[in-house]
Amino acid sequence: MWLLDRSGKALLWLLGQRGDAEEKVSEDGSFLISGWMPALEFAELLKISLPSSRQYQTCAGFVLHEFGAIPNVGDRIESHDWQFEIVDLDGRRIDKVLATPLRNQMASKA
């Protein structure tokens, strides 16, 4: 299934190794990630390191930790050379997070 992001670029559906933790990848290197994706799987996907001792176990927990409060849809924060944007909430639960690599990270990979 193909979807379009806000800029009209095609997004491709992918399945995580567990078969149920969904992610989408865009041509610009952005990922649309389920909030309940396990933190270690999320960190491996984005090639970031997480502390071994942490109080969260999911992508949503990581984002809550980084914001320091419950964010709203559209809120953004930069961390670990990525920009994280809240795309969808289900009540107070973070449902979808858009992770976009910062320009300096993309330039260093080119």
PDB file of N, CA and C in Angstrom:
ATOM      1  N   MET A   1       0.840  -1.168   0.000  1.00  0.00           N
ATOM      2  CA  MET A   1       0.000   0.000   0.000  1.00  0.00           C
ATOM      3  C   MET A   1       0.893   1.241   0.000  1.00  0.00           C
ATOM      4  N   TRP A   2       0.563   2.210  -0.813  1.00  0.00           N
ATOM      5  CA  TRP A   2       1.311   3.470  -0.879  1.00  0.00           C
ATOM      6  C   TRP A   2       0.482   4.579  -0.269  1.00  0.00           C
ATOM      7  N   LEU A   3       1.117   5.435   0.486  1.00  0.00           N
ATOM      8  CA  LEU A   3       0.483   6.612   1.064  1.00  0.00           C
ATOM      9  C   LEU A   3       1.323   7.831   0.718  1.00  0.00           C
ATOM     10  N   LEU A   4       0.761   9.009   0.879  1.00  0.00           N
ATOM     11  CA  LEU A   4       1.502  10.246   0.635  1.00  0.00           C
ATOM     12  C   LEU A   4       1.692  10.986   1.944  1.00  0.00           C
ATOM     13  N   ASP A   5       2.880  11.589   2.109  1.00  0.00           N
ATOM     14  CA  ASP A   5       3.099  12.424   3.283  1.00  0.00           C
ATOM     15  C   ASP A   5       2.632  13.842   2.973  1.00  0.00           C
ATOM     16  N   ARG A   6       2.845  14.763   3.915  1.00  0.00           N
ATOM     17  CA  ARG A   6       2.352  16.137   3.750  1.00  0.00           C
ATOM     18  C   ARG A   6       2.930  16.838   2.534  1.00  0.00           C
ATOM     19  N   SER A   7       4.125  16.466   2.095  1.00  0.00           N
ATOM     20  CA  SER A   7       4.734  17.124   0.939  1.00  0.00           C
ATOM     21  C   SER A   7       4.368  16.431  -0.373  1.00  0.00           C
ATOM     22  N   GLY A   8       3.556  15.379  -0.296  1.00  0.00           N
ATOM     23  CA  GLY A   8       3.143  14.678  -1.504  1.00  0.00           C
ATOM     24  C   GLY A   8       4.090  13.567  -1.920  1.00  0.00           C
ATOM     25  N   LYS A   9       5.137  13.306  -1.113  1.00  0.00           N
ATOM     26  CA  LYS A   9       6.064  12.229  -1.435  1.00  0.00           C
ATOM     27  C   LYS A   9       5.455  10.886  -1.031  1.00  0.00           C
ATOM     28  N   ALA A  10       5.769   9.876  -1.800  1.00  0.00           N
ATOM     29  CA  ALA A  10       5.239   8.542  -1.519  1.00  0.00           C
ATOM     30  C   ALA A  10       5.918   7.956  -0.284  1.00  0.00           C
ATOM     31  N   LEU A  11       5.115   7.326   0.539  1.00  0.00           N
ATOM     32  CA  LEU A  11       5.620   6.595   1.695  1.00  0.00           C
ATOM     33  C   LEU A  11       5.358   5.120   1.461  1.00  0.00           C
ATOM     34  N   LEU A  12       6.291   4.283   1.834  1.00  0.00           N
ATOM     35  CA  LEU A  12       6.174   2.848   1.649  1.00  0.00           C
ATOM     36  C   LEU A  12       5.929   2.190   2.996  1.00  0.00           C
ATOM     37  N   TRP A  13       4.941   1.324   3.069  1.00  0.00           N
ATOM     38  CA  TRP A  13       4.683   0.576   4.306  1.00  0.00           C
ATOM     39  C   TRP A  13       5.723  -0.520   4.443  1.00  0.00           C
ATOM     40  N   LEU A  14       6.278  -0.653   5.606  1.00  0.00           N
ATOM     41  CA  LEU A  14       7.203  -1.742   5.910  1.00  0.00           C
ATOM     42  C   LEU A  14       6.737  -2.409   7.189  1.00  0.00           C
ATOM     43  N   LEU A  15       7.118  -3.638   7.382  1.00  0.00           N
ATOM     44  CA  LEU A  15       6.833  -4.315   8.638  1.00  0.00           C
ATOM     45  C   LEU A  15       8.132  -4.516   9.386  1.00  0.00           C
ATOM     46  N   GLY A  16       8.082  -4.278  10.685  1.00  0.00           N
ATOM     47  CA  GLY A  16       9.252  -4.510  11.519  1.00  0.00           C
ATOM     48  C   GLY A  16       9.527  -6.002  11.645  1.00  0.00           C
ATOM     49  N   GLN A  17      10.624  -6.355  12.281  1.00  0.00           N
ATOM     50  CA  GLN A  17      11.003  -7.757  12.430  1.00  0.00           C
ATOM     51  C   GLN A  17       9.950  -8.545  13.185  1.00  0.00           C
ATOM     52  N   ARG A  18       9.251  -7.913  14.118  1.00  0.00           N
ATOM     53  CA  ARG A  18       8.225  -8.620  14.874  1.00  0.00           C
ATOM     54  C   ARG A  18       6.994  -8.875  14.021  1.00  0.00           C
ATOM     55  N   GLY A  19       6.894  -8.202  12.857  1.00  0.00           N
ATOM     56  CA  GLY A  19       5.760  -8.410  11.987  1.00  0.00           C
ATOM     57  C   GLY A  19       4.562  -7.557  12.326  1.00  0.00           C
ATOM     58  N   ASP A  20       4.614  -6.826  13.439  1.00  0.00           N
ATOM     59  CA  ASP A  20       3.461  -6.017  13.794  1.00  0.00           C
ATOM     60  C   ASP A  20       3.830  -4.581  14.174  1.00  0.00           C
ATOM     61  N   ALA A  21       5.096  -4.290  14.374  1.00  0.00           N
ATOM     62  CA  ALA A  21       5.533  -2.929  14.694  1.00  0.00           C
ATOM     63  C   ALA A  21       5.742  -2.205  13.376  1.00  0.00           C
ATOM     64  N   GLU A  22       4.773  -1.402  12.993  1.00  0.00           N
ATOM     65  CA  GLU A  22       4.830  -0.802  11.665  1.00  0.00           C
ATOM     66  C   GLU A  22       5.681   0.455  11.641  1.00  0.00           C
ATOM     67  N   GLU A  23       6.242   0.696  10.492  1.00  0.00           N
ATOM     68  CA  GLU A  23       7.007   1.899  10.223  1.00  0.00           C
ATOM     69  C   GLU A  23       6.824   2.202   8.750  1.00  0.00           C
ATOM     70  N   LYS A  24       6.981   3.438   8.382  1.00  0.00           N
ATOM     71  CA  LYS A  24       6.947   3.838   6.979  1.00  0.00           C
ATOM     72  C   LYS A  24       8.205   4.640   6.739  1.00  0.00           C
ATOM     73  N   VAL A  25       8.751   4.524   5.554  1.00  0.00           N
ATOM     74  CA  VAL A  25       9.968   5.260   5.237  1.00  0.00           C
ATOM     75  C   VAL A  25       9.704   6.135   4.019  1.00  0.00           C
ATOM     76  N   SER A  26      10.231   7.340   4.031  1.00  0.00           N
ATOM     77  CA  SER A  26      10.056   8.291   2.948  1.00  0.00           C
ATOM     78  C   SER A  26      11.379   8.465   2.213  1.00  0.00           C
ATOM     79  N   GLU A  27      11.311   9.045   1.022  1.00  0.00           N
ATOM     80  CA  GLU A  27      12.514   9.274   0.218  1.00  0.00           C
ATOM     81  C   GLU A  27      13.539  10.150   0.925  1.00  0.00           C
ATOM     82  N   ASP A  28      13.084  11.042   1.819  1.00  0.00           N
ATOM     83  CA  ASP A  28      14.018  11.932   2.506  1.00  0.00           C
ATOM     84  C   ASP A  28      14.626  11.299   3.756  1.00  0.00           C
ATOM     85  N   GLY A  29      14.351  10.022   3.996  1.00  0.00           N
ATOM     86  CA  GLY A  29      14.917   9.335   5.153  1.00  0.00           C
ATOM     87  C   GLY A  29      14.066   9.428   6.397  1.00  0.00           C
ATOM     88  N   SER A  30      12.870  10.012   6.291  1.00  0.00           N
ATOM     89  CA  SER A  30      11.961  10.111   7.431  1.00  0.00           C
ATOM     90  C   SER A  30      11.248   8.791   7.659  1.00  0.00           C
ATOM     91  N   PHE A  31      10.902   8.546   8.912  1.00  0.00           N
ATOM     92  CA  PHE A  31      10.137   7.359   9.287  1.00  0.00           C
ATOM     93  C   PHE A  31       8.887   7.785  10.033  1.00  0.00           C
ATOM     94  N   LEU A  32       7.759   7.185   9.707  1.00  0.00           N
ATOM     95  CA  LEU A  32       6.527   7.337  10.478  1.00  0.00           C
ATOM     96  C   LEU A  32       6.407   6.076  11.309  1.00  0.00           C
ATOM     97  N   ILE A  33       6.512   6.229  12.635  1.00  0.00           N
ATOM     98  CA  ILE A  33       6.686   5.092  13.530  1.00  0.00           C
ATOM     99  C   ILE A  33       5.530   5.011  14.510  1.00  0.00           C
ATOM    100  N   SER A  34       5.072   3.780  14.752  1.00  0.00           N
ATOM    101  CA  SER A  34       4.060   3.544  15.776  1.00  0.00           C
ATOM    102  C   SER A  34       4.639   3.842  17.145  1.00  0.00           C
ATOM    103  N   GLY A  35       3.862   4.507  17.976  1.00  0.00           N
ATOM    104  CA  GLY A  35       4.327   4.848  19.311  1.00  0.00           C
ATOM    105  C   GLY A  35       4.675   3.636  20.154  1.00  0.00           C
ATOM    106  N   TRP A  36       4.021   2.514  19.911  1.00  0.00           N
ATOM    107  CA  TRP A  36       4.270   1.326  20.725  1.00  0.00           C
ATOM    108  C   TRP A  36       5.427   0.472  20.219  1.00  0.00           C
ATOM    109  N   MET A  37       6.149   0.934  19.182  1.00  0.00           N
ATOM    110  CA  MET A  37       7.323   0.175  18.726  1.00  0.00           C
ATOM    111  C   MET A  37       8.311   0.067  19.889  1.00  0.00           C
ATOM    112  N   PRO A  38       8.849  -1.121  20.146  1.00  0.00           N
ATOM    113  CA  PRO A  38       9.812  -1.280  21.239  1.00  0.00           C
ATOM    114  C   PRO A  38      10.997  -0.322  21.101  1.00  0.00           C
ATOM    115  N   ALA A  39      11.430   0.228  22.229  1.00  0.00           N
ATOM    116  CA  ALA A  39      12.496   1.238  22.226  1.00  0.00           C
ATOM    117  C   ALA A  39      13.778   0.731  21.566  1.00  0.00           C
ATOM    118  N   LEU A  40      14.148  -0.499  21.822  1.00  0.00           N
ATOM    119  CA  LEU A  40      15.388  -1.013  21.229  1.00  0.00           C
ATOM    120  C   LEU A  40      15.265  -1.165  19.722  1.00  0.00           C
ATOM    121  N   GLU A  41      14.100  -1.571  19.240  1.00  0.00           N
ATOM    122  CA  GLU A  41      13.868  -1.687  17.799  1.00  0.00           C
ATOM    123  C   GLU A  41      13.875  -0.293  17.153  1.00  0.00           C
ATOM    124  N   PHE A  42      13.240   0.652  17.814  1.00  0.00           N
ATOM    125  CA  PHE A  42      13.203   2.045  17.366  1.00  0.00           C
ATOM    126  C   PHE A  42      14.620   2.623  17.296  1.00  0.00           C
ATOM    127  N   ALA A  43      15.428   2.382  18.333  1.00  0.00           N
ATOM    128  CA  ALA A  43      16.807   2.892  18.376  1.00  0.00           C
ATOM    129  C   ALA A  43      17.654   2.258  17.276  1.00  0.00           C
ATOM    130  N   GLU A  44      17.464   0.974  17.034  1.00  0.00           N
ATOM    131  CA  GLU A  44      18.205   0.299  15.974  1.00  0.00           C
ATOM    132  C   GLU A  44      17.821   0.857  14.604  1.00  0.00           C
ATOM    133  N   LEU A  45      16.532   1.094  14.392  1.00  0.00           N
ATOM    134  CA  LEU A  45      16.040   1.644  13.132  1.00  0.00           C
ATOM    135  C   LEU A  45      16.683   2.994  12.826  1.00  0.00           C
ATOM    136  N   LEU A  46      16.752   3.875  13.838  1.00  0.00           N
ATOM    137  CA  LEU A  46      17.278   5.227  13.649  1.00  0.00           C
ATOM    138  C   LEU A  46      18.779   5.314  13.921  1.00  0.00           C
ATOM    139  N   LYS A  47      19.375   4.212  14.330  1.00  0.00           N
ATOM    140  CA  LYS A  47      20.808   4.163  14.634  1.00  0.00           C
ATOM    141  C   LYS A  47      21.183   5.187  15.719  1.00  0.00           C
ATOM    142  N   ILE A  48      20.400   5.154  16.804  1.00  0.00           N
ATOM    143  CA  ILE A  48      20.692   6.001  17.962  1.00  0.00           C
ATOM    144  C   ILE A  48      20.948   5.094  19.159  1.00  0.00           C
ATOM    145  N   SER A  49      21.673   5.607  20.121  1.00  0.00           N
ATOM    146  CA  SER A  49      21.930   4.811  21.322  1.00  0.00           C
ATOM    147  C   SER A  49      21.041   5.310  22.457  1.00  0.00           C
ATOM    148  N   LEU A  50      20.531   4.368  23.204  1.00  0.00           N
ATOM    149  CA  LEU A  50      19.700   4.667  24.363  1.00  0.00           C
ATOM    150  C   LEU A  50      20.437   4.208  25.612  1.00  0.00           C
ATOM    151  N   PRO A  51      20.202   4.867  26.719  1.00  0.00           N
ATOM    152  CA  PRO A  51      20.842   4.412  27.954  1.00  0.00           C
ATOM    153  C   PRO A  51      20.330   3.019  28.331  1.00  0.00           C
ATOM    154  N   SER A  52      21.194   2.189  28.876  1.00  0.00           N
ATOM    155  CA  SER A  52      20.776   0.832  29.253  1.00  0.00           C
ATOM    156  C   SER A  52      19.767   0.878  30.398  1.00  0.00           C
ATOM    157  N   SER A  53      19.894   1.867  31.261  1.00  0.00           N
ATOM    158  CA  SER A  53      18.943   2.045  32.355  1.00  0.00           C
ATOM    159  C   SER A  53      18.020   3.210  31.988  1.00  0.00           C
ATOM    160  N   ARG A  54      16.774   2.883  31.653  1.00  0.00           N
ATOM    161  CA  ARG A  54      15.814   3.912  31.261  1.00  0.00           C
ATOM    162  C   ARG A  54      14.440   3.534  31.769  1.00  0.00           C
ATOM    163  N   GLN A  55      13.570   4.509  31.876  1.00  0.00           N
ATOM    164  CA  GLN A  55      12.231   4.287  32.420  1.00  0.00           C
ATOM    165  C   GLN A  55      11.185   4.057  31.339  1.00  0.00           C
ATOM    166  N   TYR A  56      11.561   3.929  30.095  1.00  0.00           N
ATOM    167  CA  TYR A  56      10.610   3.717  29.006  1.00  0.00           C
ATOM    168  C   TYR A  56      11.014   2.488  28.204  1.00  0.00           C
ATOM    169  N   GLN A  57      10.020   1.891  27.548  1.00  0.00           N
ATOM    170  CA  GLN A  57      10.264   0.680  26.765  1.00  0.00           C
ATOM    171  C   GLN A  57       9.764   0.793  25.327  1.00  0.00           C
ATOM    172  N   THR A  58       9.209   1.955  24.956  1.00  0.00           N
ATOM    173  CA  THR A  58       8.632   2.137  23.619  1.00  0.00           C
ATOM    174  C   THR A  58       9.102   3.455  23.005  1.00  0.00           C
ATOM    175  N   CYS A  59       8.826   3.605  21.722  1.00  0.00           N
ATOM    176  CA  CYS A  59       9.101   4.871  21.031  1.00  0.00           C
ATOM    177  C   CYS A  59       8.342   6.013  21.710  1.00  0.00           C
ATOM    178  N   ALA A  60       7.070   5.773  22.045  1.00  0.00           N
ATOM    179  CA  ALA A  60       6.270   6.809  22.719  1.00  0.00           C
ATOM    180  C   ALA A  60       6.894   7.203  24.053  1.00  0.00           C
ATOM    181  N   GLY A  61       7.397   6.233  24.781  1.00  0.00           N
ATOM    182  CA  GLY A  61       8.060   6.525  26.050  1.00  0.00           C
ATOM    183  C   GLY A  61       9.302   7.373  25.857  1.00  0.00           C
ATOM    184  N   PHE A  62      10.080   7.069  24.814  1.00  0.00           N
ATOM    185  CA  PHE A  62      11.256   7.877  24.489  1.00  0.00           C
ATOM    186  C   PHE A  62      10.847   9.322  24.222  1.00  0.00           C
ATOM    187  N   VAL A  63       9.806   9.498  23.396  1.00  0.00           N
ATOM    188  CA  VAL A  63       9.352  10.847  23.036  1.00  0.00           C
ATOM    189  C   VAL A  63       8.835  11.588  24.275  1.00  0.00           C
ATOM    190  N   LEU A  64       8.055  10.917  25.113  1.00  0.00           N
ATOM    191  CA  LEU A  64       7.587  11.541  26.356  1.00  0.00           C
ATOM    192  C   LEU A  64       8.768  11.978  27.217  1.00  0.00           C
ATOM    193  N   HIS A  65       9.771  11.124  27.310  1.00  0.00           N
ATOM    194  CA  HIS A  65      10.971  11.448  28.084  1.00  0.00           C
ATOM    195  C   HIS A  65      11.664  12.696  27.520  1.00  0.00           C
ATOM    196  N   GLU A  66      11.783  12.763  26.189  1.00  0.00           N
ATOM    197  CA  GLU A  66      12.454  13.900  25.550  1.00  0.00           C
ATOM    198  C   GLU A  66      11.663  15.198  25.728  1.00  0.00           C
ATOM    199  N   PHE A  67      10.332  15.129  25.588  1.00  0.00           N
ATOM    200  CA  PHE A  67       9.504  16.325  25.765  1.00  0.00           C
ATOM    201  C   PHE A  67       9.414  16.734  27.231  1.00  0.00           C
ATOM    202  N   GLY A  68       9.399  15.779  28.126  1.00  0.00           N
ATOM    203  CA  GLY A  68       9.250  16.082  29.544  1.00  0.00           C
ATOM    204  C   GLY A  68       7.807  16.359  29.937  1.00  0.00           C
ATOM    205  N   ALA A  69       6.882  16.181  29.003  1.00  0.00           N
ATOM    206  CA  ALA A  69       5.451  16.412  29.241  1.00  0.00           C
ATOM    207  C   ALA A  69       4.683  15.734  28.115  1.00  0.00           C
ATOM    208  N   ILE A  70       3.371  15.636  28.269  1.00  0.00           N
ATOM    209  CA  ILE A  70       2.555  15.049  27.210  1.00  0.00           C
ATOM    210  C   ILE A  70       2.435  16.062  26.081  1.00  0.00           C
ATOM    211  N   PRO A  71       2.925  15.710  24.891  1.00  0.00           N
ATOM    212  CA  PRO A  71       2.893  16.650  23.763  1.00  0.00           C
ATOM    213  C   PRO A  71       1.531  16.665  23.075  1.00  0.00           C
ATOM    214  N   ASN A  72       1.348  17.623  22.206  1.00  0.00           N
ATOM    215  CA  ASN A  72       0.158  17.738  21.369  1.00  0.00           C
ATOM    216  C   ASN A  72       0.525  17.380  19.938  1.00  0.00           C
ATOM    217  N   VAL A  73      -0.476  17.084  19.130  1.00  0.00           N
ATOM    218  CA  VAL A  73      -0.239  16.817  17.712  1.00  0.00           C
ATOM    219  C   VAL A  73       0.445  18.040  17.104  1.00  0.00           C
ATOM    220  N   GLY A  74       1.501  17.803  16.350  1.00  0.00           N
ATOM    221  CA  GLY A  74       2.256  18.874  15.706  1.00  0.00           C
ATOM    222  C   GLY A  74       3.460  19.343  16.493  1.00  0.00           C
ATOM    223  N   ASP A  75       3.530  18.986  17.780  1.00  0.00           N
ATOM    224  CA  ASP A  75       4.700  19.370  18.581  1.00  0.00           C
ATOM    225  C   ASP A  75       5.935  18.657  18.040  1.00  0.00           C
ATOM    226  N   ARG A  76       7.066  19.374  18.081  1.00  0.00           N
ATOM    227  CA  ARG A  76       8.334  18.842  17.559  1.00  0.00           C
ATOM    228  C   ARG A  76       9.438  19.055  18.580  1.00  0.00           C
ATOM    229  N   ILE A  77      10.410  18.154  18.515  1.00  0.00           N
ATOM    230  CA  ILE A  77      11.596  18.277  19.357  1.00  0.00           C
ATOM    231  C   ILE A  77      12.766  17.659  18.605  1.00  0.00           C
ATOM    232  N   GLU A  78      13.955  18.198  18.811  1.00  0.00           N
ATOM    233  CA  GLU A  78      15.160  17.656  18.176  1.00  0.00           C
ATOM    234  C   GLU A  78      15.991  16.925  19.221  1.00  0.00           C
ATOM    235  N   SER A  79      16.424  15.723  18.846  1.00  0.00           N
ATOM    236  CA  SER A  79      17.233  14.908  19.745  1.00  0.00           C
ATOM    237  C   SER A  79      17.960  13.852  18.927  1.00  0.00           C
ATOM    238  N   HIS A  80      19.185  13.532  19.304  1.00  0.00           N
ATOM    239  CA  HIS A  80      19.957  12.460  18.658  1.00  0.00           C
ATOM    240  C   HIS A  80      20.075  12.658  17.145  1.00  0.00           C
ATOM    241  N   ASP A  81      20.199  13.894  16.679  1.00  0.00           N
ATOM    242  CA  ASP A  81      20.306  14.226  15.250  1.00  0.00           C
ATOM    243  C   ASP A  81      19.035  13.922  14.463  1.00  0.00           C
ATOM    244  N   TRP A  82      17.905  13.850  15.145  1.00  0.00           N
ATOM    245  CA  TRP A  82      16.608  13.637  14.507  1.00  0.00           C
ATOM    246  C   TRP A  82      15.620  14.674  15.026  1.00  0.00           C
ATOM    247  N   GLN A  83      14.640  14.995  14.200  1.00  0.00           N
ATOM    248  CA  GLN A  83      13.503  15.784  14.648  1.00  0.00           C
ATOM    249  C   GLN A  83      12.329  14.818  14.810  1.00  0.00           C
ATOM    250  N   PHE A  84      11.688  14.861  15.962  1.00  0.00           N
ATOM    251  CA  PHE A  84      10.542  14.012  16.253  1.00  0.00           C
ATOM    252  C   PHE A  84       9.298  14.884  16.314  1.00  0.00           C
ATOM    253  N   GLU A  85       8.296  14.525  15.518  1.00  0.00           N
ATOM    254  CA  GLU A  85       7.040  15.273  15.468  1.00  0.00           C
ATOM    255  C   GLU A  85       5.892  14.349  15.814  1.00  0.00           C
ATOM    256  N   ILE A  86       5.009  14.815  16.679  1.00  0.00           N
ATOM    257  CA  ILE A  86       3.823  14.041  17.034  1.00  0.00           C
ATOM    258  C   ILE A  86       2.816  14.187  15.900  1.00  0.00           C
ATOM    259  N   VAL A  87       2.481  13.064  15.266  1.00  0.00           N
ATOM    260  CA  VAL A  87       1.586  13.070  14.113  1.00  0.00           C
ATOM    261  C   VAL A  87       0.165  12.689  14.518  1.00  0.00           C
ATOM    262  N   ASP A  88       0.034  11.770  15.475  1.00  0.00           N
ATOM    263  CA  ASP A  88      -1.291  11.307  15.863  1.00  0.00           C
ATOM    264  C   ASP A  88      -1.296  10.910  17.330  1.00  0.00           C
ATOM    265  N   LEU A  89      -2.354  11.320  18.012  1.00  0.00           N
ATOM    266  CA  LEU A  89      -2.592  10.911  19.390  1.00  0.00           C
ATOM    267  C   LEU A  89      -3.898  10.130  19.433  1.00  0.00           C
ATOM    268  N   ASP A  90      -3.969   9.164  20.317  1.00  0.00           N
ATOM    269  CA  ASP A  90      -5.208   8.448  20.601  1.00  0.00           C
ATOM    270  C   ASP A  90      -5.530   8.766  22.050  1.00  0.00           C
ATOM    271  N   GLY A  91      -6.310   9.821  22.241  1.00  0.00           N
ATOM    272  CA  GLY A  91      -6.493  10.349  23.590  1.00  0.00           C
ATOM    273  C   GLY A  91      -5.198  11.005  24.018  1.00  0.00           C
ATOM    274  N   ARG A  92      -4.631  10.506  25.116  1.00  0.00           N
ATOM    275  CA  ARG A  92      -3.332  11.018  25.569  1.00  0.00           C
ATOM    276  C   ARG A  92      -2.182  10.128  25.125  1.00  0.00           C
ATOM    277  N   ARG A  93      -2.500   9.018  24.459  1.00  0.00           N
ATOM    278  CA  ARG A  93      -1.476   8.062  24.017  1.00  0.00           C
ATOM    279  C   ARG A  93      -0.871   8.507  22.686  1.00  0.00           C
ATOM    280  N   ILE A  94       0.456   8.487  22.597  1.00  0.00           N
ATOM    281  CA  ILE A  94       1.150   8.832  21.356  1.00  0.00           C
ATOM    282  C   ILE A  94       1.010   7.650  20.403  1.00  0.00           C
ATOM    283  N   ASP A  95       0.333   7.874  19.284  1.00  0.00           N
ATOM    284  CA  ASP A  95       0.063   6.804  18.331  1.00  0.00           C
ATOM    285  C   ASP A  95       1.089   6.764  17.204  1.00  0.00           C
ATOM    286  N   LYS A  96       1.421   7.921  16.621  1.00  0.00           N
ATOM    287  CA  LYS A  96       2.373   7.984  15.502  1.00  0.00           C
ATOM    288  C   LYS A  96       3.360   9.124  15.722  1.00  0.00           C
ATOM    289  N   VAL A  97       4.616   8.842  15.382  1.00  0.00           N
ATOM    290  CA  VAL A  97       5.705   9.808  15.502  1.00  0.00           C
ATOM    291  C   VAL A  97       6.425   9.866  14.155  1.00  0.00           C
ATOM    292  N   LEU A  98       6.642  11.070  13.653  1.00  0.00           N
ATOM    293  CA  LEU A  98       7.432  11.254  12.441  1.00  0.00           C
ATOM    294  C   LEU A  98       8.856  11.603  12.861  1.00  0.00           C
ATOM    295  N   ALA A  99       9.798  10.737  12.487  1.00  0.00           N
ATOM    296  CA  ALA A  99      11.220  10.975  12.785  1.00  0.00           C
ATOM    297  C   ALA A  99      11.894  11.385  11.485  1.00  0.00           C
ATOM    298  N   THR A 100      12.418  12.617  11.459  1.00  0.00           N
ATOM    299  CA  THR A 100      13.059  13.164  10.266  1.00  0.00           C
ATOM    300  C   THR A 100      14.519  13.456  10.587  1.00  0.00           C
ATOM    301  N   PRO A 101      15.441  12.935   9.774  1.00  0.00           N
ATOM    302  CA  PRO A 101      16.854  13.223  10.042  1.00  0.00           C
ATOM    303  C   PRO A 101      17.131  14.713   9.845  1.00  0.00           C
ATOM    304  N   LEU A 102      17.934  15.271  10.729  1.00  0.00           N
ATOM    305  CA  LEU A 102      18.330  16.667  10.579  1.00  0.00           C
ATOM    306  C   LEU A 102      19.270  16.771   9.386  1.00  0.00           C
ATOM    307  N   ARG A 103      19.294  17.913   8.738  1.00  0.00           N
ATOM    308  CA  ARG A 103      20.071  18.099   7.504  1.00  0.00           C
ATOM    309  C   ARG A 103      21.542  17.736   7.666  1.00  0.00           C
ATOM    310  N   ASN A 104      22.144  18.096   8.797  1.00  0.00           N
ATOM    311  CA  ASN A 104      23.567  17.810   8.978  1.00  0.00           C
ATOM    312  C   ASN A 104      23.827  16.306   9.003  1.00  0.00           C
ATOM    313  N   GLN A 105      22.862  15.521   9.487  1.00  0.00           N
ATOM    314  CA  GLN A 105      23.024  14.066   9.481  1.00  0.00           C
ATOM    315  C   GLN A 105      22.953  13.535   8.059  1.00  0.00           C
ATOM    316  N   MET A 106      22.010  14.041   7.242  1.00  0.00           N
ATOM    317  CA  MET A 106      21.880  13.596   5.859  1.00  0.00           C
ATOM    318  C   MET A 106      23.134  13.959   5.068  1.00  0.00           C
ATOM    319  N   ALA A 107      23.699  15.131   5.300  1.00  0.00           N
ATOM    320  CA  ALA A 107      24.894  15.573   4.581  1.00  0.00           C
ATOM    321  C   ALA A 107      26.096  14.692   4.910  1.00  0.00           C
ATOM    322  N   SER A 108      26.187  14.262   6.172  1.00  0.00           N
ATOM    323  CA  SER A 108      27.325  13.439   6.556  1.00  0.00           C
ATOM    324  C   SER A 108      27.240  12.029   5.984  1.00  0.00           C
ATOM    325  N   LYS A 109      26.036  11.576   5.613  1.00  0.00           N
ATOM    326  CA  LYS A 109      25.875  10.248   5.022  1.00  0.00           C
ATOM    327  C   LYS A 109      26.078  10.267   3.521  1.00  0.00           C
ATOM    328  N   ALA A 110      26.047  11.448   2.915  1.00  0.00           N
ATOM    329  CA  ALA A 110      26.175  11.546   1.447  1.00  0.00           C
ATOM    330  C   ALA A 110      27.603  11.386   0.988  1.00  0.00           C
TER     331      ALA A 110
END
